[in-house]
Amino acid sequence: MQTTVEMVSNGLTLRGMLHKPEHTEHPVPAVLMLHGFSNNKMETGWMFVALSRMLERRGIASLRFDFGGSGESDGDFMDMTISGEVSDAKRILEYAKSLEFVDPERIGVLGMSLGGVVAGILAGKHTQDVQSLCLWAPAFVASEHVRSGRVGEMDITNIKEEGYVQIGFGGLRLGSGFVEDVLQLDIAGLASGYDKPILILQGDRDTAVPLSSTRQFMEHYGGKAKLEIVEGAGHMFERFEHRTMVLERTARFMIEQLGLMQEYE
């Protein structure tokens, strides 16, 4: 069963989608899905929608919200920061734990690209509440990119003087607060506290987030993270076969880590 939901975070109404398995009399696991930079709760190629429906058929609920300033949620994208999205993610986690049909001890988190950074920080700060963590092409290089004056293909060297930079996706503007926030964040320190298994999926042709940087960041996890490379895939898992592998492997990981009620096995 798929229903629209709303909640308030930092004074903004966040709008999302809840997928709840049918015909269950017991609390079920749940997965929170955190979208990437300038994206929304459906994600590229509607991959979050497909995964939500896959999990629902297997007895796992899911929540996918638009962060503040993105998609259908309130706010202006120009005001987005990683810290702000981490705050939103915490509220989503609290919301999931409040649902009477969700088992609060079996909650997983999935993050895509910059949403993977948000997911990593959320899990690191709330490790007791997150039982599984899956990251798709996590953009842990955000700090390095900002220090180099670029975010992806964007030149952001003048962002502080101008107050914003046009990012080239639908006429959106990225505010200077994003840069200031990234530079003061200890992403590795915040994320590395997570103490349970982590699955990372990334294409070997990812030009936005180099595989070498992902491997380097994995050292902060001390062997808890497993990297599975999707051969031939770019940052957004562009082809059907890439998408299928990522979805199936993610669903299997969540099932393995969160478990299922007997009626769905």
Protein backbone atom coordinates (compact mmCIF):
# COMPACT_ATOMS: atom_id res chain seq x y z
CA MET A 1 0.00 0.00 0.00
CA GLN A 2 1.41 3.36 -1.07
CA THR A 3 0.31 6.60 0.62
CA THR A 4 1.48 10.22 0.69
CA VAL A 5 2.79 11.52 4.00
CA GLU A 6 3.96 14.84 5.42
CA MET A 7 5.97 15.99 8.40
CA VAL A 8 7.69 19.18 9.60
CA SER A 9 11.46 19.59 9.79
CA ASN A 10 13.20 22.88 10.60
CA GLY A 11 9.91 24.70 10.09
CA LEU A 12 9.40 23.27 6.60
CA THR A 13 6.82 20.72 5.51
CA LEU A 14 8.52 17.71 3.97
CA ARG A 15 6.43 15.62 1.58
CA GLY A 16 7.04 11.98 0.96
CA MET A 17 5.75 8.54 0.16
CA LEU A 18 5.16 5.65 2.52
CA HIS A 19 5.05 2.05 1.31
CA LYS A 20 3.48 -0.37 3.76
CA PRO A 21 3.24 -4.13 3.22
CA GLU A 22 -0.30 -5.50 3.33
CA HIS A 23 -1.69 -8.40 5.31
CA THR A 24 0.73 -8.31 8.22
CA GLU A 25 -0.20 -8.43 11.88
CA HIS A 26 3.31 -7.84 13.23
CA PRO A 27 5.74 -4.89 13.17
CA VAL A 28 7.78 -4.92 9.96
CA PRO A 29 11.25 -3.66 9.01
CA ALA A 30 11.54 -0.32 7.23
CA VAL A 31 14.05 1.34 4.89
CA LEU A 32 14.59 5.09 4.64
CA MET A 33 15.63 6.30 1.17
CA LEU A 34 17.61 9.55 0.93
CA HIS A 35 17.89 11.11 -2.51
CA GLY A 36 20.87 12.82 -4.08
CA PHE A 37 21.83 16.39 -4.96
CA SER A 38 19.08 18.30 -6.82
CA ASN A 39 17.01 15.13 -7.11
CA ASN A 40 13.83 13.98 -5.38
CA LYS A 41 12.11 11.09 -3.62
CA MET A 42 11.76 9.07 -6.85
CA GLU A 43 15.48 9.29 -7.73
CA THR A 44 16.99 8.92 -11.20
CA GLY A 45 15.09 6.46 -13.37
CA TRP A 46 12.53 6.21 -10.53
CA MET A 47 14.86 3.73 -8.83
CA PHE A 48 13.56 4.54 -5.35
CA VAL A 49 10.01 3.84 -6.51
CA ALA A 50 11.02 0.48 -7.95
CA LEU A 51 12.94 -0.48 -4.82
CA SER A 52 10.09 0.57 -2.52
CA ARG A 53 7.72 -1.70 -4.42
CA MET A 54 10.22 -4.58 -4.40
CA LEU A 55 10.64 -4.29 -0.64
CA GLU A 56 6.91 -3.93 -0.05
CA ARG A 57 6.29 -7.24 -1.80
CA ARG A 58 8.80 -8.84 0.57
CA GLY A 59 7.27 -7.42 3.74
CA ILE A 60 9.52 -4.38 4.24
CA ALA A 61 8.10 -0.87 4.54
CA SER A 62 9.88 2.19 3.17
CA LEU A 63 9.83 5.96 3.44
CA ARG A 64 11.16 8.31 0.77
CA PHE A 65 10.90 12.06 1.34
CA ASP A 66 11.97 15.12 -0.60
CA PHE A 67 14.52 17.04 1.47
CA GLY A 68 13.68 20.64 2.31
CA GLY A 69 14.08 22.78 -0.81
CA SER A 70 13.84 19.78 -3.14
CA GLY A 71 10.98 18.14 -4.99
CA GLU A 72 7.57 18.85 -3.49
CA SER A 73 8.81 19.81 -0.04
CA ASP A 74 8.76 23.39 1.21
CA GLY A 75 11.83 25.59 1.06
CA ASP A 76 14.26 26.90 -1.55
CA PHE A 77 17.00 24.73 -3.00
CA MET A 78 19.38 27.66 -2.73
CA ASP A 79 19.31 27.21 1.05
CA MET A 80 20.21 23.51 1.00
CA THR A 81 23.18 22.25 3.01
CA ILE A 82 24.40 18.80 3.98
CA SER A 83 23.80 19.62 7.64
CA GLY A 84 20.24 20.67 6.84
CA GLU A 85 19.59 17.41 5.01
CA VAL A 86 21.09 15.42 7.90
CA SER A 87 18.64 17.22 10.19
CA ASP A 88 15.79 16.31 7.82
CA ALA A 89 17.01 12.70 7.75
CA LYS A 90 16.97 12.55 11.55
CA ARG A 91 13.33 13.69 11.53
CA ILE A 92 12.52 11.03 8.92
CA LEU A 93 14.15 8.43 11.17
CA GLU A 94 12.13 9.63 14.15
CA TYR A 95 8.96 9.55 12.05
CA ALA A 96 9.65 5.97 10.96
CA LYS A 97 10.25 4.87 14.55
CA SER A 98 6.91 6.43 15.57
CA LEU A 99 4.87 4.32 13.11
CA GLU A 100 3.08 1.57 15.03
CA PHE A 101 3.56 -1.02 12.29
CA VAL A 102 7.35 -0.44 12.04
CA ASP A 103 9.78 -2.44 14.14
CA PRO A 104 12.10 0.31 15.50
CA GLU A 105 14.90 -2.22 15.93
CA ARG A 106 14.90 -3.12 12.21
CA ILE A 107 15.40 0.13 10.29
CA GLY A 108 17.74 0.40 7.33
CA VAL A 109 18.97 3.49 5.47
CA LEU A 110 19.81 3.91 1.79
CA GLY A 111 21.46 6.99 0.31
CA MET A 112 22.27 7.95 -3.27
CA SER A 113 25.29 10.15 -4.14
CA LEU A 114 25.14 13.20 -1.82
CA GLY A 115 22.27 11.41 -0.13
CA GLY A 116 24.83 8.70 0.59
CA VAL A 117 26.86 11.27 2.55
CA VAL A 118 23.73 12.24 4.47
CA ALA A 119 22.93 8.57 5.10
CA GLY A 120 26.47 7.89 6.26
CA ILE A 121 26.42 10.77 8.72
CA LEU A 122 22.94 9.85 9.96
CA ALA A 123 24.00 6.25 10.59
CA GLY A 124 27.24 7.34 12.25
CA LYS A 125 25.40 9.65 14.64
CA HIS A 126 22.53 7.26 15.35
CA THR A 127 24.14 3.85 14.98
CA GLN A 128 21.87 2.32 17.62
CA ASP A 129 18.81 3.18 15.49
CA VAL A 130 20.15 2.09 12.07
CA GLN A 131 20.52 -1.65 11.54
CA SER A 132 21.69 -1.62 7.91
CA LEU A 133 23.30 0.94 5.63
CA CYS A 134 23.48 0.84 1.84
CA LEU A 135 25.15 3.57 -0.21
CA TRP A 136 24.85 4.11 -3.95
CA ALA A 137 27.88 5.98 -5.37
CA PRO A 138 28.29 8.00 -2.15
CA ALA A 139 29.75 11.46 -2.77
CA PHE A 140 32.20 11.44 0.12
CA VAL A 141 34.48 13.57 -2.08
CA ALA A 142 32.21 16.59 -1.49
CA SER A 143 34.74 18.33 0.76
CA GLU A 144 37.60 17.80 -1.67
CA HIS A 145 35.51 19.06 -4.58
CA VAL A 146 34.49 22.21 -2.72
CA ARG A 147 38.08 22.94 -1.67
CA SER A 148 39.16 22.56 -5.30
CA GLY A 149 36.55 25.09 -6.40
CA ARG A 150 34.38 22.65 -8.28
CA VAL A 151 31.24 20.60 -7.62
CA GLY A 152 30.99 18.06 -10.42
CA GLU A 153 31.42 20.13 -13.59
CA MET A 154 30.49 23.41 -11.89
CA ASP A 155 33.03 26.11 -11.15
CA ILE A 156 32.15 27.48 -7.71
CA THR A 157 35.20 29.67 -7.12
CA ASN A 158 33.06 32.85 -7.09
CA ILE A 159 30.18 31.49 -5.03
CA LYS A 160 31.05 33.47 -1.89
CA GLU A 161 31.28 36.76 -3.78
CA GLU A 162 28.10 36.18 -5.78
CA GLY A 163 26.19 34.42 -2.99
CA TYR A 164 25.18 31.57 -5.28
CA VAL A 165 26.06 29.67 -8.43
CA GLN A 166 23.73 28.29 -11.09
CA ILE A 167 24.16 24.54 -11.09
CA GLY A 168 22.81 23.81 -14.55
CA PHE A 169 20.03 21.45 -13.48
CA GLY A 170 16.67 23.04 -14.25
CA GLY A 171 17.81 26.58 -13.54
CA LEU A 172 18.49 25.89 -9.86
CA ARG A 173 20.87 28.00 -7.78
CA LEU A 174 23.23 26.66 -5.11
CA GLY A 175 23.82 29.08 -2.25
CA SER A 176 27.14 29.92 -0.62
CA GLY A 177 25.86 28.38 2.62
CA PHE A 178 26.39 24.96 1.05
CA VAL A 179 30.11 25.63 0.64
CA GLU A 180 30.48 27.09 4.13
CA ASP A 181 28.71 24.07 5.61
CA VAL A 182 30.78 21.49 3.73
CA LEU A 183 34.05 23.10 4.77
CA GLN A 184 33.19 22.90 8.47
CA LEU A 185 31.89 19.32 8.34
CA ASP A 186 34.07 16.41 9.43
CA ILE A 187 32.32 13.95 7.14
CA ALA A 188 34.70 11.08 7.82
CA GLY A 189 34.60 11.60 11.56
CA LEU A 190 30.81 11.75 11.65
CA ALA A 191 30.25 8.75 9.37
CA SER A 192 32.93 6.42 10.71
CA GLY A 193 31.10 5.74 13.97
CA TYR A 194 28.70 3.34 12.28
CA ASP A 195 29.47 -0.15 13.56
CA LYS A 196 27.36 -2.50 11.42
CA PRO A 197 27.78 -3.96 7.89
CA ILE A 198 27.69 -1.48 5.00
CA LEU A 199 27.10 -2.21 1.32
CA ILE A 200 28.38 0.24 -1.29
CA LEU A 201 27.35 -0.06 -4.95
CA GLN A 202 29.13 2.01 -7.58
CA GLY A 203 29.84 1.94 -11.29
CA ASP A 204 33.39 1.58 -12.59
CA ARG A 205 32.74 4.41 -15.07
CA ASP A 206 31.59 6.89 -12.44
CA THR A 207 33.18 10.24 -13.35
CA ALA A 208 31.39 12.26 -10.66
CA VAL A 209 32.72 10.18 -7.75
CA PRO A 210 35.97 8.36 -8.54
CA LEU A 211 36.12 4.77 -7.34
CA SER A 212 39.55 5.50 -5.90
CA SER A 213 38.05 8.06 -3.52
CA THR A 214 35.37 5.60 -2.41
CA ARG A 215 37.97 2.94 -1.69
CA GLN A 216 40.02 5.46 0.25
CA PHE A 217 37.02 6.56 2.31
CA MET A 218 36.18 2.94 3.12
CA GLU A 219 39.29 2.86 5.30
CA HIS A 220 37.37 4.96 7.81
CA TYR A 221 34.90 2.10 8.20
CA GLY A 222 37.61 -0.33 9.30
CA GLY A 223 36.53 -3.29 7.20
CA LYS A 224 32.79 -2.99 7.87
CA ALA A 225 32.04 -1.78 4.33
CA LYS A 226 31.85 -3.98 1.24
CA LEU A 227 32.17 -2.43 -2.22
CA GLU A 228 30.41 -4.09 -5.16
CA ILE A 229 31.35 -2.63 -8.53
CA VAL A 230 28.77 -2.38 -11.29
CA GLU A 231 30.77 -2.92 -14.47
CA GLY A 232 30.14 -0.42 -17.23
CA ALA A 233 27.94 1.82 -15.08
CA GLY A 234 28.32 5.55 -14.59
CA HIS A 235 27.31 7.61 -11.58
CA MET A 236 23.57 7.23 -12.17
CA PHE A 237 23.48 3.52 -13.18
CA GLU A 238 22.18 4.56 -16.58
CA ARG A 239 21.42 1.26 -18.27
CA PHE A 240 18.61 -1.17 -17.47
CA GLU A 241 21.02 -3.97 -16.56
CA HIS A 242 22.89 -1.66 -14.17
CA ARG A 243 19.68 -0.53 -12.53
CA THR A 244 18.44 -4.12 -12.21
CA MET A 245 21.62 -5.30 -10.52
CA VAL A 246 21.64 -2.39 -8.07
CA LEU A 247 17.99 -2.86 -7.12
CA GLU A 248 18.22 -6.61 -6.69
CA ARG A 249 21.45 -6.47 -4.70
CA THR A 250 20.12 -3.70 -2.45
CA ALA A 251 16.89 -5.56 -1.76
CA ARG A 252 18.81 -8.73 -0.93
CA PHE A 253 21.12 -6.85 1.43
CA MET A 254 18.22 -5.23 3.27
CA ILE A 255 16.45 -8.58 3.59
CA GLU A 256 19.63 -10.20 4.91
CA GLN A 257 20.27 -7.46 7.46
CA LEU A 258 16.72 -6.68 8.56
CA GLY A 259 15.08 -10.08 8.23
CA LEU A 260 11.51 -10.84 7.21
CA MET A 261 8.37 -12.03 8.92
CA GLN A 262 7.76 -15.72 8.27
CA GLU A 263 4.66 -15.02 6.21
CA TYR A 264 6.79 -13.24 3.59
CA GLU A 265 9.63 -15.76 3.39
